[in-house]
Amino acid sequence: IGKYAPDAVIGKVGTGAPAAVPAASGGAAAPLLEKGGHKAKDWSRAEKNREMRMKGEGKIPGWFGALFYMV
């Protein structure tokens, strides 16, 4: 440890206060982040906007825009 943290103060293991008892949990099968009241994300608007964007031209229209975007 002296190589990586030469200024670190290291005491004896077990000299601190006893750890608090963890709260009761649902076990290993319970999800860590419960998403109780959240609804699923609706991607229909994003997909519709992307479809419209891909059908149209860029901000610079015509052959000059095509040349500009290629370069």
PDB file of N, CA and C in Angstrom:
ATOM      1  N   ILE A   1       0.840  -1.185   0.000  1.00  0.00           N
ATOM      2  CA  ILE A   1       0.000   0.000   0.000  1.00  0.00           C
ATOM      3  C   ILE A   1       0.878   1.239   0.000  1.00  0.00           C
ATOM      4  N   GLY A   2       2.043   1.163   0.565  1.00  0.00           N
ATOM      5  CA  GLY A   2       2.936   2.312   0.587  1.00  0.00           C
ATOM      6  C   GLY A   2       3.280   2.808  -0.803  1.00  0.00           C
ATOM      7  N   LYS A   3       3.299   1.901  -1.777  1.00  0.00           N
ATOM      8  CA  LYS A   3       3.614   2.280  -3.146  1.00  0.00           C
ATOM      9  C   LYS A   3       2.490   3.126  -3.757  1.00  0.00           C
ATOM     10  N   TYR A   4       1.242   2.798  -3.455  1.00  0.00           N
ATOM     11  CA  TYR A   4       0.102   3.455  -4.088  1.00  0.00           C
ATOM     12  C   TYR A   4      -0.444   4.619  -3.258  1.00  0.00           C
ATOM     13  N   ALA A   5      -0.341   4.562  -1.951  1.00  0.00           N
ATOM     14  CA  ALA A   5      -0.842   5.623  -1.081  1.00  0.00           C
ATOM     15  C   ALA A   5       0.137   5.828   0.062  1.00  0.00           C
ATOM     16  N   PRO A   6       1.244   6.522  -0.204  1.00  0.00           N
ATOM     17  CA  PRO A   6       2.267   6.651   0.835  1.00  0.00           C
ATOM     18  C   PRO A   6       1.806   7.471   2.042  1.00  0.00           C
ATOM     19  N   ASP A   7       0.822   8.354   1.873  1.00  0.00           N
ATOM     20  CA  ASP A   7       0.355   9.194   2.970  1.00  0.00           C
ATOM     21  C   ASP A   7      -0.814   8.582   3.724  1.00  0.00           C
ATOM     22  N   ALA A   8      -1.258   7.402   3.343  1.00  0.00           N
ATOM     23  CA  ALA A   8      -2.438   6.783   3.961  1.00  0.00           C
ATOM     24  C   ALA A   8      -2.123   6.338   5.379  1.00  0.00           C
ATOM     25  N   VAL A   9      -3.077   6.565   6.275  1.00  0.00           N
ATOM     26  CA  VAL A   9      -2.946   6.112   7.656  1.00  0.00           C
ATOM     27  C   VAL A   9      -3.757   4.835   7.773  1.00  0.00           C
ATOM     28  N   ILE A  10      -3.104   3.753   8.112  1.00  0.00           N
ATOM     29  CA  ILE A  10      -3.774   2.461   8.164  1.00  0.00           C
ATOM     30  C   ILE A  10      -3.748   1.970   9.600  1.00  0.00           C
ATOM     31  N   GLY A  11      -4.910   1.661  10.144  1.00  0.00           N
ATOM     32  CA  GLY A  11      -5.002   1.165  11.508  1.00  0.00           C
ATOM     33  C   GLY A  11      -5.207  -0.332  11.519  1.00  0.00           C
ATOM     34  N   LYS A  12      -5.443  -0.879  12.691  1.00  0.00           N
ATOM     35  CA  LYS A  12      -5.678  -2.304  12.815  1.00  0.00           C
ATOM     36  C   LYS A  12      -7.086  -2.633  12.348  1.00  0.00           C
ATOM     37  N   VAL A  13      -7.249  -3.780  11.781  1.00  0.00           N
ATOM     38  CA  VAL A  13      -8.555  -4.226  11.323  1.00  0.00           C
ATOM     39  C   VAL A  13      -9.409  -4.537  12.542  1.00  0.00           C
ATOM     40  N   GLY A  14     -10.631  -4.040  12.541  1.00  0.00           N
ATOM     41  CA  GLY A  14     -11.558  -4.346  13.618  1.00  0.00           C
ATOM     42  C   GLY A  14     -11.537  -3.338  14.754  1.00  0.00           C
ATOM     43  N   THR A  15     -10.859  -2.205  14.589  1.00  0.00           N
ATOM     44  CA  THR A  15     -10.814  -1.220  15.663  1.00  0.00           C
ATOM     45  C   THR A  15     -11.979  -0.244  15.593  1.00  0.00           C
ATOM     46  N   GLY A  16     -12.756  -0.258  14.535  1.00  0.00           N
ATOM     47  CA  GLY A  16     -13.866   0.672  14.383  1.00  0.00           C
ATOM     48  C   GLY A  16     -15.103   0.203  15.120  1.00  0.00           C
ATOM     49  N   ALA A  17     -16.162   0.985  15.024  1.00  0.00           N
ATOM     50  CA  ALA A  17     -17.429   0.633  15.667  1.00  0.00           C
ATOM     51  C   ALA A  17     -18.045  -0.558  14.943  1.00  0.00           C
ATOM     52  N   PRO A  18     -18.848  -1.355  15.634  1.00  0.00           N
ATOM     53  CA  PRO A  18     -19.493  -2.496  14.965  1.00  0.00           C
ATOM     54  C   PRO A  18     -20.465  -2.014  13.892  1.00  0.00           C
ATOM     55  N   ALA A  19     -20.543  -2.781  12.839  1.00  0.00           N
ATOM     56  CA  ALA A  19     -21.419  -2.424  11.726  1.00  0.00           C
ATOM     57  C   ALA A  19     -22.874  -2.545  12.131  1.00  0.00           C
ATOM     58  N   ALA A  20     -23.713  -1.685  11.559  1.00  0.00           N
ATOM     59  CA  ALA A  20     -25.147  -1.734  11.828  1.00  0.00           C
ATOM     60  C   ALA A  20     -25.753  -2.952  11.139  1.00  0.00           C
ATOM     61  N   VAL A  21     -26.819  -3.466  11.708  1.00  0.00           N
ATOM     62  CA  VAL A  21     -27.501  -4.615  11.132  1.00  0.00           C
ATOM     63  C   VAL A  21     -28.260  -4.140   9.902  1.00  0.00           C
ATOM     64  N   PRO A  22     -28.063  -4.791   8.742  1.00  0.00           N
ATOM     65  CA  PRO A  22     -28.760  -4.345   7.531  1.00  0.00           C
ATOM     66  C   PRO A  22     -30.262  -4.578   7.647  1.00  0.00           C
ATOM     67  N   ALA A  23     -31.012  -3.732   6.964  1.00  0.00           N
ATOM     68  CA  ALA A  23     -32.469  -3.845   6.971  1.00  0.00           C
ATOM     69  C   ALA A  23     -32.894  -5.101   6.218  1.00  0.00           C
ATOM     70  N   ALA A  24     -34.064  -5.599   6.567  1.00  0.00           N
ATOM     71  CA  ALA A  24     -34.590  -6.794   5.905  1.00  0.00           C
ATOM     72  C   ALA A  24     -34.859  -6.474   4.442  1.00  0.00           C
ATOM     73  N   SER A  25     -34.478  -7.392   3.568  1.00  0.00           N
ATOM     74  CA  SER A  25     -34.690  -7.177   2.137  1.00  0.00           C
ATOM     75  C   SER A  25     -35.464  -8.348   1.563  1.00  0.00           C
ATOM     76  N   GLY A  26     -35.778  -8.234   0.299  1.00  0.00           N
ATOM     77  CA  GLY A  26     -36.559  -9.260  -0.370  1.00  0.00           C
ATOM     78  C   GLY A  26     -35.750 -10.472  -0.785  1.00  0.00           C
ATOM     79  N   GLY A  27     -34.485 -10.479  -0.546  1.00  0.00           N
ATOM     80  CA  GLY A  27     -33.657 -11.622  -0.922  1.00  0.00           C
ATOM     81  C   GLY A  27     -32.951 -11.383  -2.245  1.00  0.00           C
ATOM     82  N   ALA A  28     -32.280 -12.392  -2.725  1.00  0.00           N
ATOM     83  CA  ALA A  28     -31.503 -12.261  -3.952  1.00  0.00           C
ATOM     84  C   ALA A  28     -32.387 -12.150  -5.191  1.00  0.00           C
ATOM     85  N   ALA A  29     -33.591 -12.673  -5.131  1.00  0.00           N
ATOM     86  CA  ALA A  29     -34.465 -12.649  -6.296  1.00  0.00           C
ATOM     87  C   ALA A  29     -35.166 -11.303  -6.462  1.00  0.00           C
ATOM     88  N   ALA A  30     -35.190 -10.460  -5.442  1.00  0.00           N
ATOM     89  CA  ALA A  30     -35.877  -9.167  -5.519  1.00  0.00           C
ATOM     90  C   ALA A  30     -35.062  -8.205  -6.373  1.00  0.00           C
ATOM     91  N   PRO A  31     -35.725  -7.381  -7.185  1.00  0.00           N
ATOM     92  CA  PRO A  31     -34.993  -6.416  -8.002  1.00  0.00           C
ATOM     93  C   PRO A  31     -34.364  -5.333  -7.136  1.00  0.00           C
ATOM     94  N   LEU A  32     -33.202  -4.848  -7.544  1.00  0.00           N
ATOM     95  CA  LEU A  32     -32.513  -3.829  -6.768  1.00  0.00           C
ATOM     96  C   LEU A  32     -33.204  -2.475  -6.866  1.00  0.00           C
ATOM     97  N   LEU A  33     -33.648  -2.124  -8.039  1.00  0.00           N
ATOM     98  CA  LEU A  33     -34.315  -0.843  -8.238  1.00  0.00           C
ATOM     99  C   LEU A  33     -35.771  -1.105  -8.603  1.00  0.00           C
ATOM    100  N   GLU A  34     -36.638  -0.892  -7.673  1.00  0.00           N
ATOM    101  CA  GLU A  34     -38.062  -1.122  -7.916  1.00  0.00           C
ATOM    102  C   GLU A  34     -38.634   0.061  -8.686  1.00  0.00           C
ATOM    103  N   LYS A  35     -39.282  -0.207  -9.792  1.00  0.00           N
ATOM    104  CA  LYS A  35     -39.869   0.847 -10.612  1.00  0.00           C
ATOM    105  C   LYS A  35     -41.381   0.803 -10.468  1.00  0.00           C
ATOM    106  N   GLY A  36     -41.844   0.938  -9.258  1.00  0.00           N
ATOM    107  CA  GLY A  36     -43.243   0.783  -8.918  1.00  0.00           C
ATOM    108  C   GLY A  36     -44.228   1.469  -9.844  1.00  0.00           C
ATOM    109  N   GLY A  37     -44.282   2.787  -9.854  1.00  0.00           N
ATOM    110  CA  GLY A  37     -45.322   3.483 -10.586  1.00  0.00           C
ATOM    111  C   GLY A  37     -44.921   3.964 -11.959  1.00  0.00           C
ATOM    112  N   HIS A  38     -43.728   3.646 -12.421  1.00  0.00           N
ATOM    113  CA  HIS A  38     -43.293   4.161 -13.707  1.00  0.00           C
ATOM    114  C   HIS A  38     -43.906   3.359 -14.845  1.00  0.00           C
ATOM    115  N   LYS A  39     -44.246   4.081 -15.903  1.00  0.00           N
ATOM    116  CA  LYS A  39     -44.755   3.381 -17.079  1.00  0.00           C
ATOM    117  C   LYS A  39     -43.619   3.192 -18.072  1.00  0.00           C
ATOM    118  N   ALA A  40     -43.815   2.313 -18.999  1.00  0.00           N
ATOM    119  CA  ALA A  40     -42.789   2.032 -20.006  1.00  0.00           C
ATOM    120  C   ALA A  40     -42.676   3.217 -20.958  1.00  0.00           C
ATOM    121  N   LYS A  41     -41.491   3.452 -21.488  1.00  0.00           N
ATOM    122  CA  LYS A  41     -41.256   4.565 -22.403  1.00  0.00           C
ATOM    123  C   LYS A  41     -41.923   4.280 -23.733  1.00  0.00           C
ATOM    124  N   ASP A  42     -42.624   5.289 -24.240  1.00  0.00           N
ATOM    125  CA  ASP A  42     -43.312   5.171 -25.518  1.00  0.00           C
ATOM    126  C   ASP A  42     -42.409   5.742 -26.610  1.00  0.00           C
ATOM    127  N   TRP A  43     -41.878   4.883 -27.457  1.00  0.00           N
ATOM    128  CA  TRP A  43     -40.940   5.297 -28.491  1.00  0.00           C
ATOM    129  C   TRP A  43     -41.625   5.622 -29.809  1.00  0.00           C
ATOM    130  N   SER A  44     -42.958   5.618 -29.894  1.00  0.00           N
ATOM    131  CA  SER A  44     -43.637   5.807 -31.168  1.00  0.00           C
ATOM    132  C   SER A  44     -43.356   7.186 -31.761  1.00  0.00           C
ATOM    133  N   ARG A  45     -43.347   8.234 -30.942  1.00  0.00           N
ATOM    134  CA  ARG A  45     -43.069   9.578 -31.475  1.00  0.00           C
ATOM    135  C   ARG A  45     -41.641   9.681 -31.973  1.00  0.00           C
ATOM    136  N   ALA A  46     -40.701   9.121 -31.238  1.00  0.00           N
ATOM    137  CA  ALA A  46     -39.299   9.185 -31.649  1.00  0.00           C
ATOM    138  C   ALA A  46     -39.097   8.445 -32.971  1.00  0.00           C
ATOM    139  N   GLU A  47     -39.727   7.300 -33.120  1.00  0.00           N
ATOM    140  CA  GLU A  47     -39.583   6.537 -34.359  1.00  0.00           C
ATOM    141  C   GLU A  47     -40.252   7.253 -35.526  1.00  0.00           C
ATOM    142  N   LYS A  48     -41.395   7.901 -35.266  1.00  0.00           N
ATOM    143  CA  LYS A  48     -42.085   8.654 -36.322  1.00  0.00           C
ATOM    144  C   LYS A  48     -41.224   9.836 -36.765  1.00  0.00           C
ATOM    145  N   ASN A  49     -40.629  10.552 -35.812  1.00  0.00           N
ATOM    146  CA  ASN A  49     -39.765  11.685 -36.141  1.00  0.00           C
ATOM    147  C   ASN A  49     -38.535  11.233 -36.913  1.00  0.00           C
ATOM    148  N   ARG A  50     -37.964  10.105 -36.533  1.00  0.00           N
ATOM    149  CA  ARG A  50     -36.792   9.602 -37.245  1.00  0.00           C
ATOM    150  C   ARG A  50     -37.151   9.218 -38.672  1.00  0.00           C
ATOM    151  N   GLU A  51     -38.296   8.603 -38.841  1.00  0.00           N
ATOM    152  CA  GLU A  51     -38.741   8.214 -40.183  1.00  0.00           C
ATOM    153  C   GLU A  51     -38.918   9.439 -41.074  1.00  0.00           C
ATOM    154  N   MET A  52     -39.536  10.490 -40.540  1.00  0.00           N
ATOM    155  CA  MET A  52     -39.710  11.726 -41.320  1.00  0.00           C
ATOM    156  C   MET A  52     -38.354  12.353 -41.648  1.00  0.00           C
ATOM    157  N   ARG A  53     -37.430  12.329 -40.688  1.00  0.00           N
ATOM    158  CA  ARG A  53     -36.111  12.920 -40.892  1.00  0.00           C
ATOM    159  C   ARG A  53     -35.333  12.167 -41.964  1.00  0.00           C
ATOM    160  N   MET A  54     -35.456  10.852 -42.002  1.00  0.00           N
ATOM    161  CA  MET A  54     -34.724  10.063 -42.985  1.00  0.00           C
ATOM    162  C   MET A  54     -35.317  10.189 -44.381  1.00  0.00           C
ATOM    163  N   LYS A  55     -36.612  10.490 -44.486  1.00  0.00           N
ATOM    164  CA  LYS A  55     -37.230  10.650 -45.800  1.00  0.00           C
ATOM    165  C   LYS A  55     -36.891  11.999 -46.426  1.00  0.00           C
ATOM    166  N   GLY A  56     -36.661  13.006 -45.606  1.00  0.00           N
ATOM    167  CA  GLY A  56     -36.392  14.350 -46.104  1.00  0.00           C
ATOM    168  C   GLY A  56     -34.933  14.553 -46.474  1.00  0.00           C
ATOM    169  N   GLU A  57     -34.653  15.776 -46.925  1.00  0.00           N
ATOM    170  CA  GLU A  57     -33.277  16.144 -47.240  1.00  0.00           C
ATOM    171  C   GLU A  57     -32.648  16.770 -46.010  1.00  0.00           C
ATOM    172  N   GLY A  58     -31.363  17.035 -46.094  1.00  0.00           N
ATOM    173  CA  GLY A  58     -30.663  17.672 -44.999  1.00  0.00           C
ATOM    174  C   GLY A  58     -31.006  19.154 -44.926  1.00  0.00           C
ATOM    175  N   LYS A  59     -30.279  19.888 -44.116  1.00  0.00           N
ATOM    176  CA  LYS A  59     -30.533  21.318 -43.979  1.00  0.00           C
ATOM    177  C   LYS A  59     -30.110  22.076 -45.224  1.00  0.00           C
ATOM    178  N   ILE A  60     -29.185  21.542 -45.999  1.00  0.00           N
ATOM    179  CA  ILE A  60     -28.754  22.169 -47.246  1.00  0.00           C
ATOM    180  C   ILE A  60     -29.325  21.317 -48.384  1.00  0.00           C
ATOM    181  N   PRO A  61     -30.353  21.812 -49.080  1.00  0.00           N
ATOM    182  CA  PRO A  61     -31.025  20.998 -50.097  1.00  0.00           C
ATOM    183  C   PRO A  61     -30.256  20.941 -51.426  1.00  0.00           C
ATOM    184  N   GLY A  62     -30.683  20.015 -52.256  1.00  0.00           N
ATOM    185  CA  GLY A  62     -30.188  19.925 -53.624  1.00  0.00           C
ATOM    186  C   GLY A  62     -28.833  19.262 -53.758  1.00  0.00           C
ATOM    187  N   TRP A  63     -28.256  19.429 -54.976  1.00  0.00           N
ATOM    188  CA  TRP A  63     -26.989  18.776 -55.279  1.00  0.00           C
ATOM    189  C   TRP A  63     -25.851  19.366 -54.465  1.00  0.00           C
ATOM    190  N   PHE A  64     -25.933  20.672 -54.135  1.00  0.00           N
ATOM    191  CA  PHE A  64     -24.874  21.288 -53.330  1.00  0.00           C
ATOM    192  C   PHE A  64     -24.859  20.682 -51.908  1.00  0.00           C
ATOM    193  N   GLY A  65     -26.036  20.429 -51.364  1.00  0.00           N
ATOM    194  CA  GLY A  65     -26.134  19.801 -50.054  1.00  0.00           C
ATOM    195  C   GLY A  65     -25.545  18.400 -50.085  1.00  0.00           C
ATOM    196  N   ALA A  66     -25.851  17.654 -51.160  1.00  0.00           N
ATOM    197  CA  ALA A  66     -25.307  16.299 -51.294  1.00  0.00           C
ATOM    198  C   ALA A  66     -23.782  16.352 -51.362  1.00  0.00           C
ATOM    199  N   LEU A  67     -23.251  17.281 -52.130  1.00  0.00           N
ATOM    200  CA  LEU A  67     -21.813  17.436 -52.248  1.00  0.00           C
ATOM    201  C   LEU A  67     -21.205  17.849 -50.895  1.00  0.00           C
ATOM    202  N   PHE A  68     -21.861  18.784 -50.239  1.00  0.00           N
ATOM    203  CA  PHE A  68     -21.378  19.272 -48.943  1.00  0.00           C
ATOM    204  C   PHE A  68     -21.323  18.151 -47.908  1.00  0.00           C
ATOM    205  N   TYR A  69     -22.380  17.344 -47.831  1.00  0.00           N
ATOM    206  CA  TYR A  69     -22.424  16.269 -46.837  1.00  0.00           C
ATOM    207  C   TYR A  69     -21.463  15.142 -47.165  1.00  0.00           C
ATOM    208  N   MET A  70     -21.134  14.950 -48.454  1.00  0.00           N
ATOM    209  CA  MET A  70     -20.169  13.914 -48.813  1.00  0.00           C
ATOM    210  C   MET A  70     -18.765  14.338 -48.403  1.00  0.00           C
ATOM    211  N   VAL A  71     -18.492  15.611 -48.501  1.00  0.00           N
ATOM    212  CA  VAL A  71     -17.141  16.106 -48.167  1.00  0.00           C
ATOM    213  C   VAL A  71     -17.107  16.376 -46.701  1.00  0.00           C
TER     214      VAL A  71
END
